[in-house]
Amino acid sequence: QVQPVESGGGLVQAGGSLRLSCVASGSILSMGWYRQAPGKQRELVARFTSGGTTIYLESVKGRFTISRDNAKNTVYLQMNSLKPEDTAVYYCYVLRPFGDYWGQGTQVTVSS
């Protein structure tokens, strides 16, 4: 399957936690998470570079953690201390040698 598949979104109160999962198999150069809130552009939340380092959106540093389990072909996004402004559709992104691919998105809603 070329497209990644996300899971784990939902509704949570401010200060709560969620963990998103993304499964993707095959040749992968880089994986990460983006999000898009209503009326806003899609933005990078966190990702692994091709060199294995991590990049985070400034506003989520210290609260979100990206990790991966290579044996399960899965990348996770652990989101702690969630804020209402984290509400968005979260997309898994996979860069392959032949192009980039997006998951279908999973809704994260943080209530105040």
C-alpha atoms as a PDB file:
ATOM      1  CA  GLN A   1       0.000   0.000   0.000  1.00  0.00           C
ATOM      2  CA  VAL A   2       1.517   3.264  -1.165  1.00  0.00           C
ATOM      3  CA  GLN A   3      -0.559   5.643   0.965  1.00  0.00           C
ATOM      4  CA  PRO A   4       0.035   5.812   4.685  1.00  0.00           C
ATOM      5  CA  VAL A   5      -2.852   5.023   7.036  1.00  0.00           C
ATOM      6  CA  GLU A   6      -3.433   7.104  10.171  1.00  0.00           C
ATOM      7  CA  SER A   7      -5.363   6.360  13.321  1.00  0.00           C
ATOM      8  CA  GLY A   8      -5.766   7.702  16.829  1.00  0.00           C
ATOM      9  CA  GLY A   9      -7.522  11.041  16.524  1.00  0.00           C
ATOM     10  CA  GLY A  10     -10.432  12.079  18.674  1.00  0.00           C
ATOM     11  CA  LEU A  11     -11.879  14.568  21.117  1.00  0.00           C
ATOM     12  CA  VAL A  12      -9.939  15.494  24.235  1.00  0.00           C
ATOM     13  CA  GLN A  13     -10.052  18.221  26.847  1.00  0.00           C
ATOM     14  CA  ALA A  14      -7.342  20.839  27.061  1.00  0.00           C
ATOM     15  CA  GLY A  15      -4.359  19.463  28.931  1.00  0.00           C
ATOM     16  CA  GLY A  16      -5.067  15.941  27.789  1.00  0.00           C
ATOM     17  CA  SER A  17      -3.101  13.577  25.572  1.00  0.00           C
ATOM     18  CA  LEU A  18      -3.556  11.633  22.362  1.00  0.00           C
ATOM     19  CA  ARG A  19      -1.310   9.385  20.352  1.00  0.00           C
ATOM     20  CA  LEU A  20      -1.550   9.204  16.590  1.00  0.00           C
ATOM     21  CA  SER A  21      -0.260   6.267  14.598  1.00  0.00           C
ATOM     22  CA  CYS A  22       0.704   5.995  10.956  1.00  0.00           C
ATOM     23  CA  VAL A  23       1.475   2.771   9.154  1.00  0.00           C
ATOM     24  CA  ALA A  24       3.406   2.814   5.908  1.00  0.00           C
ATOM     25  CA  SER A  25       5.393   0.057   4.230  1.00  0.00           C
ATOM     26  CA  GLY A  26       7.811  -0.024   1.333  1.00  0.00           C
ATOM     27  CA  SER A  27      10.619   2.357   0.410  1.00  0.00           C
ATOM     28  CA  ILE A  28      10.532   5.412   2.651  1.00  0.00           C
ATOM     29  CA  LEU A  29      12.908   8.350   2.706  1.00  0.00           C
ATOM     30  CA  SER A  30      11.129  10.408   5.328  1.00  0.00           C
ATOM     31  CA  MET A  31       7.912  10.390   7.376  1.00  0.00           C
ATOM     32  CA  GLY A  32       6.135  12.924   9.431  1.00  0.00           C
ATOM     33  CA  TRP A  33       2.981  14.655  10.556  1.00  0.00           C
ATOM     34  CA  TYR A  34       1.298  17.775   9.247  1.00  0.00           C
ATOM     35  CA  ARG A  35      -1.917  19.427  10.319  1.00  0.00           C
ATOM     36  CA  GLN A  36      -4.499  21.744   8.852  1.00  0.00           C
ATOM     37  CA  ALA A  37      -6.940  23.784  10.878  1.00  0.00           C
ATOM     38  CA  PRO A  38     -10.077  25.291   9.302  1.00  0.00           C
ATOM     39  CA  GLY A  39      -9.220  28.325   7.218  1.00  0.00           C
ATOM     40  CA  LYS A  40      -5.483  27.811   7.623  1.00  0.00           C
ATOM     41  CA  GLN A  41      -2.708  26.351   5.533  1.00  0.00           C
ATOM     42  CA  ARG A  42      -1.333  22.925   6.172  1.00  0.00           C
ATOM     43  CA  GLU A  43       1.713  23.097   8.430  1.00  0.00           C
ATOM     44  CA  LEU A  44       4.480  20.757   9.463  1.00  0.00           C
ATOM     45  CA  VAL A  45       4.067  19.448  12.996  1.00  0.00           C
ATOM     46  CA  ALA A  46       6.949  16.985  13.261  1.00  0.00           C
ATOM     47  CA  ARG A  47       8.920  14.771  10.961  1.00  0.00           C
ATOM     48  CA  PHE A  48      11.996  12.639  10.574  1.00  0.00           C
ATOM     49  CA  THR A  49      14.505  13.811   8.052  1.00  0.00           C
ATOM     50  CA  SER A  50      16.180  11.403   5.645  1.00  0.00           C
ATOM     51  CA  GLY A  51      19.160  11.535   7.995  1.00  0.00           C
ATOM     52  CA  GLY A  52      17.065  10.418  10.936  1.00  0.00           C
ATOM     53  CA  THR A  53      16.925  13.675  12.861  1.00  0.00           C
ATOM     54  CA  THR A  54      13.638  15.239  13.944  1.00  0.00           C
ATOM     55  CA  ILE A  55      12.072  18.591  13.188  1.00  0.00           C
ATOM     56  CA  TYR A  56       9.226  20.126  15.189  1.00  0.00           C
ATOM     57  CA  LEU A  57       6.879  23.045  14.814  1.00  0.00           C
ATOM     58  CA  GLU A  58       7.978  25.593  17.380  1.00  0.00           C
ATOM     59  CA  SER A  59       4.619  25.710  19.126  1.00  0.00           C
ATOM     60  CA  VAL A  60       4.599  21.961  19.835  1.00  0.00           C
ATOM     61  CA  LYS A  61       8.159  21.579  21.075  1.00  0.00           C
ATOM     62  CA  GLY A  62       8.210  20.045  24.528  1.00  0.00           C
ATOM     63  CA  ARG A  63       4.630  18.797  24.165  1.00  0.00           C
ATOM     64  CA  PHE A  64       4.672  16.536  21.099  1.00  0.00           C
ATOM     65  CA  THR A  65       7.052  13.697  20.378  1.00  0.00           C
ATOM     66  CA  ILE A  66       7.483  11.844  17.106  1.00  0.00           C
ATOM     67  CA  SER A  67       8.794   8.307  17.274  1.00  0.00           C
ATOM     68  CA  ARG A  68       8.886   5.222  15.108  1.00  0.00           C
ATOM     69  CA  ASP A  69       8.856   1.454  15.297  1.00  0.00           C
ATOM     70  CA  ASN A  70      10.632   0.176  12.216  1.00  0.00           C
ATOM     71  CA  ALA A  71       9.586  -3.416  12.896  1.00  0.00           C
ATOM     72  CA  LYS A  72       5.940  -2.330  12.643  1.00  0.00           C
ATOM     73  CA  ASN A  73       6.456   0.222   9.846  1.00  0.00           C
ATOM     74  CA  THR A  74       4.769   2.708  12.137  1.00  0.00           C
ATOM     75  CA  VAL A  75       5.380   6.315  13.105  1.00  0.00           C
ATOM     76  CA  TYR A  76       3.734   7.783  16.184  1.00  0.00           C
ATOM     77  CA  LEU A  77       2.936  11.277  17.343  1.00  0.00           C
ATOM     78  CA  GLN A  78       2.511  11.510  21.088  1.00  0.00           C
ATOM     79  CA  MET A  79       0.683  14.715  21.903  1.00  0.00           C
ATOM     80  CA  ASN A  80       0.644  15.906  25.508  1.00  0.00           C
ATOM     81  CA  SER A  81      -0.639  19.079  27.149  1.00  0.00           C
ATOM     82  CA  LEU A  82      -2.984  19.604  24.238  1.00  0.00           C
ATOM     83  CA  LYS A  83      -4.397  23.056  23.638  1.00  0.00           C
ATOM     84  CA  PRO A  84      -7.523  24.183  21.766  1.00  0.00           C
ATOM     85  CA  GLU A  85      -5.251  25.667  19.096  1.00  0.00           C
ATOM     86  CA  ASP A  86      -3.985  22.158  18.336  1.00  0.00           C
ATOM     87  CA  THR A  87      -7.411  21.351  16.897  1.00  0.00           C
ATOM     88  CA  ALA A  88      -6.937  20.311  13.277  1.00  0.00           C
ATOM     89  CA  VAL A  89      -6.950  17.447  10.860  1.00  0.00           C
ATOM     90  CA  TYR A  90      -3.623  15.668  11.216  1.00  0.00           C
ATOM     91  CA  TYR A  91      -2.075  14.063   8.156  1.00  0.00           C
ATOM     92  CA  CYS A  92       0.667  11.511   7.905  1.00  0.00           C
ATOM     93  CA  TYR A  93       3.213  12.243   5.206  1.00  0.00           C
ATOM     94  CA  VAL A  94       5.543   9.792   3.512  1.00  0.00           C
ATOM     95  CA  LEU A  95       8.324  10.699   1.121  1.00  0.00           C
ATOM     96  CA  ARG A  96       9.270   7.818  -1.150  1.00  0.00           C
ATOM     97  CA  PRO A  97      11.937   7.661  -3.862  1.00  0.00           C
ATOM     98  CA  PHE A  98       9.204   8.068  -6.477  1.00  0.00           C
ATOM     99  CA  GLY A  99       7.103  10.760  -4.802  1.00  0.00           C
ATOM    100  CA  ASP A 100       5.302  11.919  -1.697  1.00  0.00           C
ATOM    101  CA  TYR A 101       2.073  10.525  -0.298  1.00  0.00           C
ATOM    102  CA  TRP A 102      -0.501  11.644   2.229  1.00  0.00           C
ATOM    103  CA  GLY A 103      -2.845   9.774   4.489  1.00  0.00           C
ATOM    104  CA  GLN A 104      -6.555  10.489   4.623  1.00  0.00           C
ATOM    105  CA  GLY A 105      -6.219  12.552   7.788  1.00  0.00           C
ATOM    106  CA  THR A 106      -7.484  12.106  11.318  1.00  0.00           C
ATOM    107  CA  GLN A 107      -9.398  14.738  13.249  1.00  0.00           C
ATOM    108  CA  VAL A 108      -8.039  15.993  16.560  1.00  0.00           C
ATOM    109  CA  THR A 109     -10.353  18.251  18.549  1.00  0.00           C
ATOM    110  CA  VAL A 110      -9.274  19.850  21.810  1.00  0.00           C
ATOM    111  CA  SER A 111     -12.026  21.401  23.905  1.00  0.00           C
ATOM    112  CA  SER A 112     -11.388  24.235  26.326  1.00  0.00           C
END
